[in-house]
Amino acid sequence: MLQLKRSLISELFKYNFSMKKIVLFFLVLYSTTSFSQYYIDAELHFLDGTVKTGLAHINISNDKIKFKKNKETKRISYNHKNIARLILKKDSIQKEFRYKKAKGRRAPRLLELILEHENLSLYAQIVETELYGLIGAILKVPNKFTYTYYIVKKDSNDAIYFGDTDLTGHRRFKEITKKHLLDCPEIIEKIKNKEFKIEDALKVVTHYNEKCYKI
C-alpha cells in the first residue's frame, strides 16, 4: 500500500512538471510570434518611386509587409515585387528594411539595414523573444534578441550569410570571415585572437571599411 502511494505521488509530480513545461513553452511561443503583429508608423517606398505613409508590420514567417493607411482601413500585403524599402518609426527610433537576395531562398529576404557603406554593408534579421511571457514581465526578465547577420558587397544585391548570435560558434565565424573577408588580414587575426566575435559583426564590418577598403 505504501509503495502504491509513493508511485502515485511520483506520477503526479511528473504530470505537474510536464504541464508546467507545456504552459511555459506556449508562453514563450506566444510572446515571440505576437510581437510581429504590432502595427507602427511606417513609410513604404515602392519600386516606381511612390511613397506611402501609414501603419505596418512585418510577417517574419514569409517576409511580407502588412500595411494599413490607418487603423480603420483594410490591410494590404506587399513584398519584394512592389517594395524597394520600408521605414518603421517608433518614438525617436527609426529602422530601415530592404529586400535582399539570400542564398538558398527563392524570394528575397526583408532585412534590417544596420550599416550602409559603398564597399561593405551589414544587414540583419532580428528576432525578439519575450522570455516567459507574463511571468517574465512580472520578474522583469530582459527580452532575448537573436541576430542573424548578412553582408552585402559593393555593386551587389546578394546578402551573404555572416553568422547567427544563437547558432554560430567562434570557429564557424572564423571560417565564414576567412571565406568572405580574406583580403583583410587584420580582421582575420583579430577573430583568431577572439578580439572579434559574432556579436561584434558591426565592429568587424566597420573595421573592414576603414582599414581594408580599396577604391
N, C-alpha and C. Protein backbone atom coordinates (compact mmCIF):
# COMPACT_ATOMS: atom_id res chain seq x y z
N MET A 1 0.84 -1.20 0.00
CA MET A 1 0.00 0.00 0.00
C MET A 1 0.88 1.26 0.00
N LEU A 2 1.90 1.25 0.85
CA LEU A 2 2.83 2.38 0.93
C LEU A 2 3.54 2.61 -0.40
N GLN A 3 3.92 1.51 -1.03
CA GLN A 3 4.60 1.57 -2.32
C GLN A 3 3.68 2.18 -3.38
N LEU A 4 2.39 1.83 -3.31
CA LEU A 4 1.42 2.35 -4.26
C LEU A 4 1.26 3.86 -4.12
N LYS A 5 1.22 4.33 -2.85
CA LYS A 5 1.10 5.76 -2.59
C LYS A 5 2.31 6.52 -3.15
N ARG A 6 3.49 5.94 -2.90
CA ARG A 6 4.71 6.58 -3.40
C ARG A 6 4.70 6.67 -4.93
N SER A 7 4.21 5.61 -5.55
CA SER A 7 4.16 5.56 -7.01
C SER A 7 3.20 6.62 -7.55
N LEU A 8 2.03 6.76 -6.88
CA LEU A 8 1.04 7.75 -7.31
C LEU A 8 1.57 9.18 -7.15
N ILE A 9 2.25 9.43 -6.03
CA ILE A 9 2.82 10.75 -5.78
C ILE A 9 3.88 11.08 -6.83
N SER A 10 4.69 10.08 -7.17
CA SER A 10 5.73 10.27 -8.17
C SER A 10 5.14 10.62 -9.53
N GLU A 11 4.09 9.89 -9.93
CA GLU A 11 3.46 10.13 -11.22
C GLU A 11 2.80 11.50 -11.26
N LEU A 12 2.17 11.88 -10.11
CA LEU A 12 1.52 13.18 -10.05
C LEU A 12 2.54 14.30 -10.19
N PHE A 13 3.70 14.14 -9.58
CA PHE A 13 4.77 15.13 -9.67
C PHE A 13 5.25 15.28 -11.12
N LYS A 14 5.43 14.14 -11.78
CA LYS A 14 5.87 14.16 -13.19
C LYS A 14 4.85 14.87 -14.06
N TYR A 15 3.55 14.61 -13.77
CA TYR A 15 2.48 15.22 -14.56
C TYR A 15 2.49 16.74 -14.39
N ASN A 16 2.58 17.19 -13.15
CA ASN A 16 2.59 18.63 -12.87
C ASN A 16 3.80 19.30 -13.51
N PHE A 17 4.95 18.64 -13.44
CA PHE A 17 6.17 19.20 -14.02
C PHE A 17 6.04 19.31 -15.53
N SER A 18 5.43 18.28 -16.15
CA SER A 18 5.23 18.30 -17.61
C SER A 18 4.28 19.41 -18.01
N MET A 19 3.21 19.58 -17.24
CA MET A 19 2.23 20.62 -17.54
C MET A 19 2.86 22.00 -17.44
N LYS A 20 3.72 22.19 -16.43
CA LYS A 20 4.40 23.48 -16.27
C LYS A 20 5.28 23.77 -17.49
N LYS A 21 5.97 22.73 -18.00
CA LYS A 21 6.84 22.92 -19.16
C LYS A 21 6.00 23.27 -20.39
N ILE A 22 4.84 22.62 -20.53
CA ILE A 22 3.97 22.90 -21.68
C ILE A 22 3.45 24.33 -21.63
N VAL A 23 2.99 24.76 -20.44
CA VAL A 23 2.50 26.12 -20.28
C VAL A 23 3.60 27.13 -20.57
N LEU A 24 4.81 26.87 -20.07
CA LEU A 24 5.94 27.75 -20.28
C LEU A 24 6.28 27.85 -21.77
N PHE A 25 6.23 26.71 -22.46
CA PHE A 25 6.52 26.67 -23.89
C PHE A 25 5.56 27.58 -24.66
N PHE A 26 4.27 27.48 -24.35
CA PHE A 26 3.29 28.29 -25.06
C PHE A 26 3.40 29.77 -24.71
N LEU A 27 3.80 30.07 -23.48
CA LEU A 27 4.01 31.47 -23.10
C LEU A 27 5.13 32.08 -23.94
N VAL A 28 6.23 31.34 -24.08
CA VAL A 28 7.37 31.81 -24.87
C VAL A 28 6.99 31.92 -26.34
N LEU A 29 6.31 30.89 -26.87
CA LEU A 29 5.92 30.87 -28.28
C LEU A 29 4.98 32.02 -28.58
N TYR A 30 4.00 32.24 -27.71
CA TYR A 30 3.03 33.31 -27.95
C TYR A 30 3.73 34.66 -27.96
N SER A 31 4.63 34.86 -27.01
CA SER A 31 5.31 36.14 -26.90
C SER A 31 6.17 36.41 -28.13
N THR A 32 6.80 35.36 -28.66
CA THR A 32 7.67 35.54 -29.82
C THR A 32 6.86 35.90 -31.07
N THR A 33 5.77 35.17 -31.31
CA THR A 33 5.02 35.38 -32.54
C THR A 33 4.13 36.61 -32.48
N SER A 34 3.61 36.93 -31.30
CA SER A 34 2.67 38.05 -31.21
C SER A 34 3.37 39.39 -31.39
N PHE A 35 4.67 39.46 -31.12
CA PHE A 35 5.41 40.71 -31.24
C PHE A 35 5.33 41.26 -32.65
N SER A 36 5.34 40.38 -33.65
CA SER A 36 5.33 40.80 -35.04
C SER A 36 3.97 41.30 -35.51
N GLN A 37 2.96 41.24 -34.64
CA GLN A 37 1.62 41.64 -35.04
C GLN A 37 1.32 43.10 -34.75
N TYR A 38 2.25 43.82 -34.15
CA TYR A 38 2.03 45.22 -33.82
C TYR A 38 2.21 46.11 -35.04
N TYR A 39 1.22 46.97 -35.29
CA TYR A 39 1.33 47.95 -36.37
C TYR A 39 1.93 49.24 -35.82
N ILE A 40 2.95 49.75 -36.49
CA ILE A 40 3.54 51.01 -36.07
C ILE A 40 3.71 51.93 -37.28
N ASP A 41 4.02 53.21 -37.01
CA ASP A 41 4.15 54.19 -38.09
C ASP A 41 5.18 53.73 -39.12
N ALA A 42 4.82 53.93 -40.39
CA ALA A 42 5.69 53.39 -41.44
C ALA A 42 5.67 54.25 -42.70
N GLU A 43 6.77 54.12 -43.46
CA GLU A 43 6.86 54.66 -44.81
C GLU A 43 7.16 53.51 -45.75
N LEU A 44 6.36 53.39 -46.78
CA LEU A 44 6.60 52.37 -47.80
C LEU A 44 7.16 53.06 -49.04
N HIS A 45 8.35 52.63 -49.47
CA HIS A 45 8.96 53.17 -50.68
C HIS A 45 8.85 52.12 -51.78
N PHE A 46 8.05 52.42 -52.78
CA PHE A 46 7.79 51.46 -53.86
C PHE A 46 8.88 51.51 -54.92
N LEU A 47 8.94 50.47 -55.70
CA LEU A 47 9.95 50.36 -56.75
C LEU A 47 9.82 51.46 -57.80
N ASP A 48 8.59 51.95 -58.00
CA ASP A 48 8.37 53.01 -59.00
C ASP A 48 8.62 54.41 -58.45
N GLY A 49 9.08 54.49 -57.18
CA GLY A 49 9.38 55.79 -56.59
C GLY A 49 8.27 56.36 -55.72
N THR A 50 7.10 55.76 -55.76
CA THR A 50 5.98 56.21 -54.93
C THR A 50 6.26 55.95 -53.45
N VAL A 51 5.78 56.85 -52.61
CA VAL A 51 5.94 56.70 -51.16
C VAL A 51 4.57 56.79 -50.49
N LYS A 52 4.29 55.85 -49.61
CA LYS A 52 3.04 55.86 -48.85
C LYS A 52 3.36 55.85 -47.36
N THR A 53 2.58 56.59 -46.59
CA THR A 53 2.74 56.59 -45.13
C THR A 53 1.51 55.97 -44.49
N GLY A 54 1.70 55.31 -43.37
CA GLY A 54 0.59 54.66 -42.68
C GLY A 54 1.10 53.82 -41.53
N LEU A 55 0.53 52.64 -41.37
CA LEU A 55 0.92 51.70 -40.32
C LEU A 55 1.32 50.38 -40.95
N ALA A 56 2.35 49.74 -40.41
CA ALA A 56 2.81 48.48 -41.00
C ALA A 56 3.43 47.58 -39.95
N HIS A 57 3.47 46.30 -40.28
CA HIS A 57 4.26 45.34 -39.51
C HIS A 57 4.79 44.30 -40.47
N ILE A 58 5.80 43.56 -40.02
CA ILE A 58 6.45 42.56 -40.86
C ILE A 58 6.04 41.17 -40.42
N ASN A 59 5.62 40.36 -41.38
CA ASN A 59 5.35 38.95 -41.11
C ASN A 59 6.67 38.20 -41.30
N ILE A 60 7.34 37.86 -40.19
CA ILE A 60 8.68 37.29 -40.29
C ILE A 60 8.68 35.88 -40.87
N SER A 61 7.52 35.24 -40.94
CA SER A 61 7.47 33.87 -41.47
C SER A 61 7.58 33.84 -42.99
N ASN A 62 7.15 34.94 -43.66
CA ASN A 62 7.21 34.95 -45.13
C ASN A 62 7.77 36.26 -45.70
N ASP A 63 8.29 37.14 -44.81
CA ASP A 63 8.92 38.40 -45.23
C ASP A 63 7.98 39.35 -45.97
N LYS A 64 6.67 39.22 -45.69
CA LYS A 64 5.71 40.13 -46.29
C LYS A 64 5.44 41.30 -45.36
N ILE A 65 5.06 42.42 -45.96
CA ILE A 65 4.74 43.62 -45.20
C ILE A 65 3.23 43.80 -45.20
N LYS A 66 2.66 43.91 -44.02
CA LYS A 66 1.23 44.18 -43.89
C LYS A 66 1.08 45.68 -43.66
N PHE A 67 0.28 46.34 -44.49
CA PHE A 67 0.19 47.80 -44.45
C PHE A 67 -1.25 48.27 -44.37
N LYS A 68 -1.48 49.32 -43.55
CA LYS A 68 -2.77 49.98 -43.43
C LYS A 68 -2.55 51.49 -43.53
N LYS A 69 -3.48 52.17 -44.18
CA LYS A 69 -3.39 53.62 -44.24
C LYS A 69 -3.61 54.20 -42.85
N ASN A 70 -4.55 53.62 -42.12
CA ASN A 70 -4.79 53.96 -40.72
C ASN A 70 -5.44 52.75 -40.04
N LYS A 71 -5.79 52.88 -38.78
CA LYS A 71 -6.31 51.73 -38.02
C LYS A 71 -7.63 51.20 -38.58
N GLU A 72 -8.41 52.06 -39.21
CA GLU A 72 -9.73 51.65 -39.69
C GLU A 72 -9.71 51.01 -41.07
N THR A 73 -8.68 51.22 -41.84
CA THR A 73 -8.66 50.73 -43.22
C THR A 73 -8.23 49.26 -43.30
N LYS A 74 -8.57 48.65 -44.42
CA LYS A 74 -8.23 47.25 -44.65
C LYS A 74 -6.73 47.11 -44.92
N ARG A 75 -6.14 46.02 -44.40
CA ARG A 75 -4.70 45.83 -44.59
C ARG A 75 -4.40 45.29 -45.99
N ILE A 76 -3.24 45.64 -46.50
CA ILE A 76 -2.77 45.19 -47.81
C ILE A 76 -1.40 44.55 -47.63
N SER A 77 -1.15 43.46 -48.34
CA SER A 77 0.15 42.79 -48.26
C SER A 77 1.05 43.22 -49.40
N TYR A 78 2.32 43.47 -49.09
CA TYR A 78 3.31 43.81 -50.09
C TYR A 78 4.54 42.93 -49.91
N ASN A 79 5.34 42.80 -50.97
CA ASN A 79 6.59 42.04 -50.87
C ASN A 79 7.64 42.64 -51.81
N HIS A 80 8.66 41.85 -52.12
CA HIS A 80 9.77 42.34 -52.95
C HIS A 80 9.36 42.75 -54.36
N LYS A 81 8.21 42.30 -54.80
CA LYS A 81 7.74 42.65 -56.14
C LYS A 81 7.24 44.08 -56.21
N ASN A 82 6.92 44.67 -55.05
CA ASN A 82 6.39 46.03 -55.01
C ASN A 82 7.31 47.03 -54.33
N ILE A 83 8.02 46.56 -53.28
CA ILE A 83 8.67 47.46 -52.34
C ILE A 83 10.19 47.52 -52.51
N ALA A 84 10.73 48.74 -52.48
CA ALA A 84 12.18 48.94 -52.50
C ALA A 84 12.72 48.96 -51.08
N ARG A 85 12.02 49.65 -50.19
CA ARG A 85 12.44 49.69 -48.79
C ARG A 85 11.27 50.07 -47.88
N LEU A 86 11.40 49.73 -46.63
CA LEU A 86 10.40 50.02 -45.60
C LEU A 86 11.08 50.74 -44.46
N ILE A 87 10.44 51.81 -43.97
CA ILE A 87 10.96 52.51 -42.79
C ILE A 87 9.90 52.44 -41.70
N LEU A 88 10.29 51.91 -40.54
CA LEU A 88 9.40 51.83 -39.38
C LEU A 88 9.85 52.85 -38.35
N LYS A 89 8.87 53.53 -37.74
CA LYS A 89 9.19 54.58 -36.76
C LYS A 89 8.41 54.33 -35.47
N LYS A 90 9.13 54.43 -34.37
CA LYS A 90 8.50 54.31 -33.05
C LYS A 90 9.22 55.25 -32.09
N ASP A 91 8.47 56.25 -31.60
CA ASP A 91 9.06 57.30 -30.76
C ASP A 91 10.21 57.96 -31.53
N SER A 92 11.41 57.94 -30.99
CA SER A 92 12.55 58.58 -31.67
C SER A 92 13.39 57.58 -32.47
N ILE A 93 12.93 56.33 -32.50
CA ILE A 93 13.69 55.27 -33.19
C ILE A 93 13.15 55.08 -34.60
N GLN A 94 14.06 54.98 -35.55
CA GLN A 94 13.70 54.72 -36.95
C GLN A 94 14.55 53.59 -37.49
N LYS A 95 13.90 52.60 -38.12
CA LYS A 95 14.62 51.46 -38.68
C LYS A 95 14.25 51.28 -40.15
N GLU A 96 15.26 50.94 -40.92
CA GLU A 96 15.03 50.76 -42.36
C GLU A 96 15.24 49.29 -42.75
N PHE A 97 14.37 48.81 -43.63
CA PHE A 97 14.42 47.42 -44.10
C PHE A 97 14.43 47.41 -45.62
N ARG A 98 15.21 46.47 -46.17
CA ARG A 98 15.27 46.31 -47.62
C ARG A 98 15.24 44.83 -47.98
N TYR A 99 14.76 44.56 -49.18
CA TYR A 99 14.76 43.19 -49.68
C TYR A 99 16.11 42.87 -50.32
N LYS A 100 16.69 41.75 -49.91
CA LYS A 100 17.97 41.31 -50.45
C LYS A 100 17.90 39.82 -50.79
N LYS A 101 18.58 39.46 -51.87
CA LYS A 101 18.63 38.05 -52.25
C LYS A 101 19.54 37.29 -51.30
N ALA A 102 19.05 36.17 -50.79
CA ALA A 102 19.84 35.34 -49.88
C ALA A 102 19.97 33.93 -50.46
N LYS A 103 21.17 33.38 -50.37
CA LYS A 103 21.43 32.05 -50.92
C LYS A 103 20.52 31.01 -50.27
N GLY A 104 19.97 30.13 -51.09
CA GLY A 104 19.12 29.05 -50.58
C GLY A 104 17.65 29.41 -50.49
N ARG A 105 17.29 30.64 -50.88
CA ARG A 105 15.90 31.07 -50.83
C ARG A 105 15.47 31.59 -52.20
N ARG A 106 14.24 31.23 -52.59
CA ARG A 106 13.74 31.71 -53.88
C ARG A 106 13.46 33.21 -53.83
N ALA A 107 12.72 33.62 -52.81
CA ALA A 107 12.33 35.02 -52.69
C ALA A 107 13.34 35.78 -51.83
N PRO A 108 13.57 37.05 -52.14
CA PRO A 108 14.47 37.86 -51.31
C PRO A 108 13.98 37.97 -49.87
N ARG A 109 14.89 38.18 -48.95
CA ARG A 109 14.56 38.35 -47.53
C ARG A 109 14.43 39.84 -47.22
N LEU A 110 13.54 40.15 -46.29
CA LEU A 110 13.40 41.52 -45.82
C LEU A 110 14.31 41.69 -44.61
N LEU A 111 15.40 42.44 -44.77
CA LEU A 111 16.42 42.56 -43.74
C LEU A 111 16.55 43.99 -43.24
N GLU A 112 16.90 44.12 -41.97
CA GLU A 112 17.11 45.44 -41.39
C GLU A 112 18.51 45.93 -41.76
N LEU A 113 18.58 47.17 -42.21
CA LEU A 113 19.87 47.78 -42.54
C LEU A 113 20.55 48.23 -41.25
N ILE A 114 21.73 47.67 -40.98
CA ILE A 114 22.48 48.03 -39.78
C ILE A 114 23.55 49.08 -40.10
N LEU A 115 24.25 48.86 -41.20
CA LEU A 115 25.29 49.81 -41.63
C LEU A 115 25.36 49.80 -43.15
N GLU A 116 25.27 51.00 -43.73
CA GLU A 116 25.37 51.11 -45.19
C GLU A 116 26.69 51.76 -45.55
N HIS A 117 27.39 51.12 -46.47
CA HIS A 117 28.67 51.65 -46.95
C HIS A 117 28.83 51.23 -48.40
N GLU A 118 29.49 52.08 -49.19
CA GLU A 118 29.64 51.77 -50.61
C GLU A 118 30.47 50.51 -50.85
N ASN A 119 31.27 50.11 -49.87
CA ASN A 119 32.12 48.93 -50.02
C ASN A 119 31.48 47.67 -49.44
N LEU A 120 31.15 47.72 -48.15
CA LEU A 120 30.56 46.55 -47.48
C LEU A 120 29.49 47.02 -46.51
N SER A 121 28.28 46.50 -46.68
CA SER A 121 27.15 46.87 -45.82
C SER A 121 26.74 45.70 -44.95
N LEU A 122 26.12 46.02 -43.82
CA LEU A 122 25.68 44.98 -42.88
C LEU A 122 24.17 45.04 -42.70
N TYR A 123 23.57 43.88 -42.82
CA TYR A 123 22.13 43.73 -42.60
C TYR A 123 21.88 42.64 -41.55
N ALA A 124 20.66 42.60 -41.04
CA ALA A 124 20.34 41.56 -40.05
C ALA A 124 18.85 41.28 -40.02
N GLN A 125 18.55 40.07 -39.64
CA GLN A 125 17.18 39.71 -39.27
C GLN A 125 17.22 39.57 -37.75
N ILE A 126 16.43 40.37 -37.06
CA ILE A 126 16.47 40.41 -35.60
C ILE A 126 15.14 39.90 -35.04
N VAL A 127 15.22 38.89 -34.21
CA VAL A 127 14.03 38.33 -33.58
C VAL A 127 14.09 38.58 -32.09
N GLU A 128 13.04 39.20 -31.56
CA GLU A 128 12.97 39.47 -30.13
C GLU A 128 12.03 38.46 -29.47
N THR A 129 12.51 37.81 -28.45
CA THR A 129 11.70 36.85 -27.71
C THR A 129 11.46 37.37 -26.29
N GLU A 130 10.19 37.54 -25.96
CA GLU A 130 9.83 37.98 -24.61
C GLU A 130 9.80 36.75 -23.72
N LEU A 131 10.87 36.52 -23.01
CA LEU A 131 11.03 35.29 -22.24
C LEU A 131 9.99 35.15 -21.13
N TYR A 132 9.36 33.98 -21.10
CA TYR A 132 8.42 33.60 -20.04
C TYR A 132 7.15 34.44 -19.99
N GLY A 133 6.88 35.23 -21.04
CA GLY A 133 5.62 35.93 -21.14
C GLY A 133 5.31 36.80 -19.93
N LEU A 134 4.12 36.63 -19.37
CA LEU A 134 3.65 37.44 -18.24
C LEU A 134 4.55 37.27 -17.03
N ILE A 135 5.00 36.03 -16.80
CA ILE A 135 5.89 35.76 -15.66
C ILE A 135 7.18 36.56 -15.80
N GLY A 136 7.73 36.58 -17.01
CA GLY A 136 8.96 37.33 -17.26
C GLY A 136 8.77 38.82 -17.06
N ALA A 137 7.58 39.33 -17.47
CA ALA A 137 7.29 40.76 -17.30
C ALA A 137 7.23 41.12 -15.82
N ILE A 138 6.59 40.25 -15.04
CA ILE A 138 6.48 40.50 -13.59
C ILE A 138 7.86 40.47 -12.93
N LEU A 139 8.67 39.49 -13.33
CA LEU A 139 10.00 39.35 -12.75
C LEU A 139 11.04 40.25 -13.43
N LYS A 140 10.59 41.00 -14.45
CA LYS A 140 11.46 41.91 -15.20
C LYS A 140 12.64 41.18 -15.85
N VAL A 141 12.32 40.01 -16.42
CA VAL A 141 13.35 39.27 -17.16
C VAL A 141 13.57 39.96 -18.50
N PRO A 142 14.79 40.36 -18.85
CA PRO A 142 15.04 41.07 -20.11
C PRO A 142 14.74 40.19 -21.32
N ASN A 143 14.22 40.81 -22.37
CA ASN A 143 13.93 40.07 -23.60
C ASN A 143 15.22 39.60 -24.26
N LYS A 144 15.09 38.54 -25.02
CA LYS A 144 16.24 37.98 -25.72
C LYS A 144 16.18 38.39 -27.19
N PHE A 145 17.32 38.85 -27.73
CA PHE A 145 17.40 39.23 -29.13
C PHE A 145 18.35 38.27 -29.85
N THR A 146 17.89 37.73 -30.96
CA THR A 146 18.73 36.86 -31.79
C THR A 146 18.99 37.58 -33.12
N TYR A 147 20.27 37.73 -33.45
CA TYR A 147 20.67 38.43 -34.67
C TYR A 147 21.21 37.43 -35.68
N THR A 148 20.65 37.45 -36.88
CA THR A 148 21.21 36.70 -38.00
C THR A 148 21.75 37.74 -38.97
N TYR A 149 23.07 37.76 -39.09
CA TYR A 149 23.72 38.82 -39.87
C TYR A 149 23.97 38.42 -41.32
N TYR A 150 23.94 39.44 -42.18
CA TYR A 150 24.25 39.27 -43.60
C TYR A 150 25.12 40.45 -44.04
N ILE A 151 26.06 40.19 -44.94
CA ILE A 151 26.85 41.28 -45.51
C ILE A 151 26.52 41.38 -47.00
N VAL A 152 26.57 42.61 -47.50
CA VAL A 152 26.32 42.86 -48.92
C VAL A 152 27.51 43.63 -49.47
N LYS A 153 28.17 43.05 -50.45
CA LYS A 153 29.38 43.66 -51.00
C LYS A 153 29.06 44.69 -52.08
N LYS A 154 30.09 45.45 -52.42
CA LYS A 154 29.97 46.54 -53.39
C LYS A 154 29.37 46.06 -54.71
N ASP A 155 28.43 46.86 -55.24
CA ASP A 155 27.79 46.58 -56.55
C ASP A 155 27.07 45.24 -56.58
N SER A 156 26.53 44.81 -55.44
CA SER A 156 25.80 43.55 -55.38
C SER A 156 24.52 43.71 -54.57
N ASN A 157 23.54 42.89 -54.88
CA ASN A 157 22.29 42.89 -54.11
C ASN A 157 22.15 41.58 -53.34
N ASP A 158 23.20 40.75 -53.40
CA ASP A 158 23.15 39.44 -52.73
C ASP A 158 23.57 39.55 -51.27
N ALA A 159 22.74 39.02 -50.39
CA ALA A 159 23.06 39.02 -48.96
C ALA A 159 23.80 37.73 -48.62
N ILE A 160 25.00 37.87 -48.11
CA ILE A 160 25.84 36.72 -47.75
C ILE A 160 25.71 36.45 -46.26
N TYR A 161 25.34 35.22 -45.92
CA TYR A 161 25.19 34.85 -44.51
C TYR A 161 26.49 35.08 -43.76
N PHE A 162 26.39 35.78 -42.60
CA PHE A 162 27.59 36.16 -41.86
C PHE A 162 27.60 35.65 -40.42
N GLY A 163 26.57 34.86 -40.07
CA GLY A 163 26.56 34.28 -38.74
C GLY A 163 25.31 34.61 -37.95
N ASP A 164 25.09 33.82 -36.92
CA ASP A 164 23.89 33.92 -36.08
C ASP A 164 24.33 33.94 -34.61
N THR A 165 23.83 34.88 -33.84
CA THR A 165 24.28 35.01 -32.44
C THR A 165 23.84 33.84 -31.57
N ASP A 166 22.92 33.04 -32.05
CA ASP A 166 22.48 31.86 -31.28
C ASP A 166 23.21 30.59 -31.70
N LEU A 167 23.49 30.47 -32.99
CA LEU A 167 23.96 29.18 -33.52
C LEU A 167 25.41 29.17 -34.00
N THR A 168 25.99 30.33 -34.27
CA THR A 168 27.34 30.37 -34.84
C THR A 168 28.41 30.44 -33.76
N GLY A 169 29.17 29.36 -33.63
CA GLY A 169 30.29 29.35 -32.68
C GLY A 169 31.47 30.13 -33.24
N HIS A 170 32.48 30.32 -32.41
CA HIS A 170 33.63 31.13 -32.83
C HIS A 170 34.38 30.51 -34.00
N ARG A 171 34.54 29.19 -33.99
CA ARG A 171 35.26 28.52 -35.09
C ARG A 171 34.53 28.72 -36.41
N ARG A 172 33.21 28.59 -36.37
CA ARG A 172 32.41 28.75 -37.59
C ARG A 172 32.47 30.20 -38.08
N PHE A 173 32.44 31.15 -37.15
CA PHE A 173 32.52 32.56 -37.53
C PHE A 173 33.87 32.87 -38.18
N LYS A 174 34.92 32.26 -37.67
CA LYS A 174 36.26 32.43 -38.24
C LYS A 174 36.29 31.89 -39.68
N GLU A 175 35.65 30.76 -39.91
CA GLU A 175 35.60 30.17 -41.25
C GLU A 175 34.83 31.08 -42.22
N ILE A 176 33.71 31.61 -41.76
CA ILE A 176 32.89 32.49 -42.60
C ILE A 176 33.68 33.75 -42.98
N THR A 177 34.35 34.33 -42.01
CA THR A 177 35.11 35.56 -42.25
C THR A 177 36.28 35.31 -43.20
N LYS A 178 36.98 34.19 -43.02
CA LYS A 178 38.09 33.84 -43.92
C LYS A 178 37.61 33.71 -45.35
N LYS A 179 36.44 33.16 -45.52
CA LYS A 179 35.89 32.92 -46.85
C LYS A 179 35.52 34.22 -47.56
N HIS A 180 34.93 35.16 -46.82
CA HIS A 180 34.38 36.36 -47.45
C HIS A 180 35.20 37.64 -47.25
N LEU A 181 36.08 37.66 -46.24
CA LEU A 181 36.88 38.87 -45.99
C LEU A 181 38.38 38.53 -45.95
N LEU A 182 38.76 37.63 -46.81
CA LEU A 182 40.14 37.15 -46.84
C LEU A 182 41.14 38.25 -47.18
N ASP A 183 40.67 39.31 -47.86
CA ASP A 183 41.56 40.39 -48.25
C ASP A 183 41.86 41.36 -47.11
N CYS A 184 41.41 41.02 -45.89
CA CYS A 184 41.67 41.88 -44.74
C CYS A 184 42.32 41.05 -43.62
N PRO A 185 43.63 40.84 -43.68
CA PRO A 185 44.34 40.01 -42.69
C PRO A 185 44.16 40.49 -41.25
N GLU A 186 44.00 41.80 -41.08
CA GLU A 186 43.83 42.35 -39.73
C GLU A 186 42.60 41.77 -39.04
N ILE A 187 41.51 41.69 -39.78
CA ILE A 187 40.27 41.16 -39.22
C ILE A 187 40.41 39.67 -38.92
N ILE A 188 41.01 38.95 -39.84
CA ILE A 188 41.22 37.51 -39.64
C ILE A 188 42.01 37.26 -38.36
N GLU A 189 43.03 38.07 -38.15
CA GLU A 189 43.88 37.92 -36.96
C GLU A 189 43.11 38.27 -35.68
N LYS A 190 42.31 39.33 -35.73
CA LYS A 190 41.54 39.74 -34.56
C LYS A 190 40.49 38.69 -34.18
N ILE A 191 39.91 38.04 -35.18
CA ILE A 191 38.93 36.99 -34.90
C ILE A 191 39.65 35.75 -34.35
N LYS A 192 40.80 35.46 -34.93
CA LYS A 192 41.60 34.33 -34.44
C LYS A 192 41.96 34.51 -32.96
N ASN A 193 42.27 35.74 -32.57
CA ASN A 193 42.62 36.05 -31.18
C ASN A 193 41.41 36.33 -30.29
N LYS A 194 40.22 36.17 -30.88
CA LYS A 194 38.95 36.37 -30.18
C LYS A 194 38.72 37.82 -29.73
N GLU A 195 39.36 38.75 -30.43
CA GLU A 195 39.07 40.17 -30.19
C GLU A 195 37.71 40.52 -30.80
N PHE A 196 37.38 39.84 -31.90
CA PHE A 196 36.09 39.99 -32.55
C PHE A 196 35.35 38.66 -32.49
N LYS A 197 34.07 38.73 -32.13
CA LYS A 197 33.20 37.55 -32.14
C LYS A 197 31.98 37.87 -32.98
N ILE A 198 31.09 36.90 -33.13
CA ILE A 198 29.89 37.12 -33.95
C ILE A 198 29.08 38.30 -33.44
N GLU A 199 29.08 38.52 -32.12
CA GLU A 199 28.34 39.65 -31.54
C GLU A 199 28.94 41.00 -31.96
N ASP A 200 30.16 40.96 -32.48
CA ASP A 200 30.85 42.18 -32.90
C ASP A 200 30.78 42.39 -34.41
N ALA A 201 29.76 41.84 -35.04
CA ALA A 201 29.65 41.93 -36.50
C ALA A 201 29.71 43.37 -37.01
N LEU A 202 29.08 44.28 -36.29
CA LEU A 202 29.12 45.69 -36.71
C LEU A 202 30.55 46.23 -36.64
N LYS A 203 31.28 45.90 -35.60
CA LYS A 203 32.68 46.34 -35.47
C LYS A 203 33.53 45.74 -36.59
N VAL A 204 33.27 44.48 -36.92
CA VAL A 204 34.03 43.81 -37.98
C VAL A 204 33.84 44.54 -39.32
N VAL A 205 32.58 44.81 -39.67
CA VAL A 205 32.29 45.47 -40.94
C VAL A 205 32.83 46.90 -40.95
N THR A 206 32.69 47.60 -39.84
CA THR A 206 33.21 48.97 -39.74
C THR A 206 34.74 48.98 -39.90
N HIS A 207 35.40 48.04 -39.24
CA HIS A 207 36.86 47.93 -39.34
C HIS A 207 37.28 47.62 -40.77
N TYR A 208 36.57 46.74 -41.42
CA TYR A 208 36.87 46.37 -42.80
C TYR A 208 36.78 47.60 -43.72
N ASN A 209 35.72 48.38 -43.55
CA ASN A 209 35.53 49.56 -44.39
C ASN A 209 36.57 50.64 -44.12
N GLU A 210 37.04 50.74 -42.88
CA GLU A 210 38.01 51.77 -42.52
C GLU A 210 39.45 51.38 -42.86
N LYS A 211 39.77 50.11 -42.67
CA LYS A 211 41.15 49.67 -42.81
C LYS A 211 41.45 48.91 -44.11
N CYS A 212 40.45 48.27 -44.66
CA CYS A 212 40.69 47.39 -45.82
C CYS A 212 39.95 47.82 -47.08
N TYR A 213 39.35 49.01 -47.05
CA TYR A 213 38.58 49.49 -48.19
C TYR A 213 39.50 49.87 -49.33
N LYS A 214 39.23 49.28 -50.49
CA LYS A 214 40.02 49.59 -51.69
C LYS A 214 39.13 50.25 -52.72
N ILE A 215 39.50 51.44 -53.10
CA ILE A 215 38.70 52.20 -54.08
C ILE A 215 38.86 51.59 -55.48
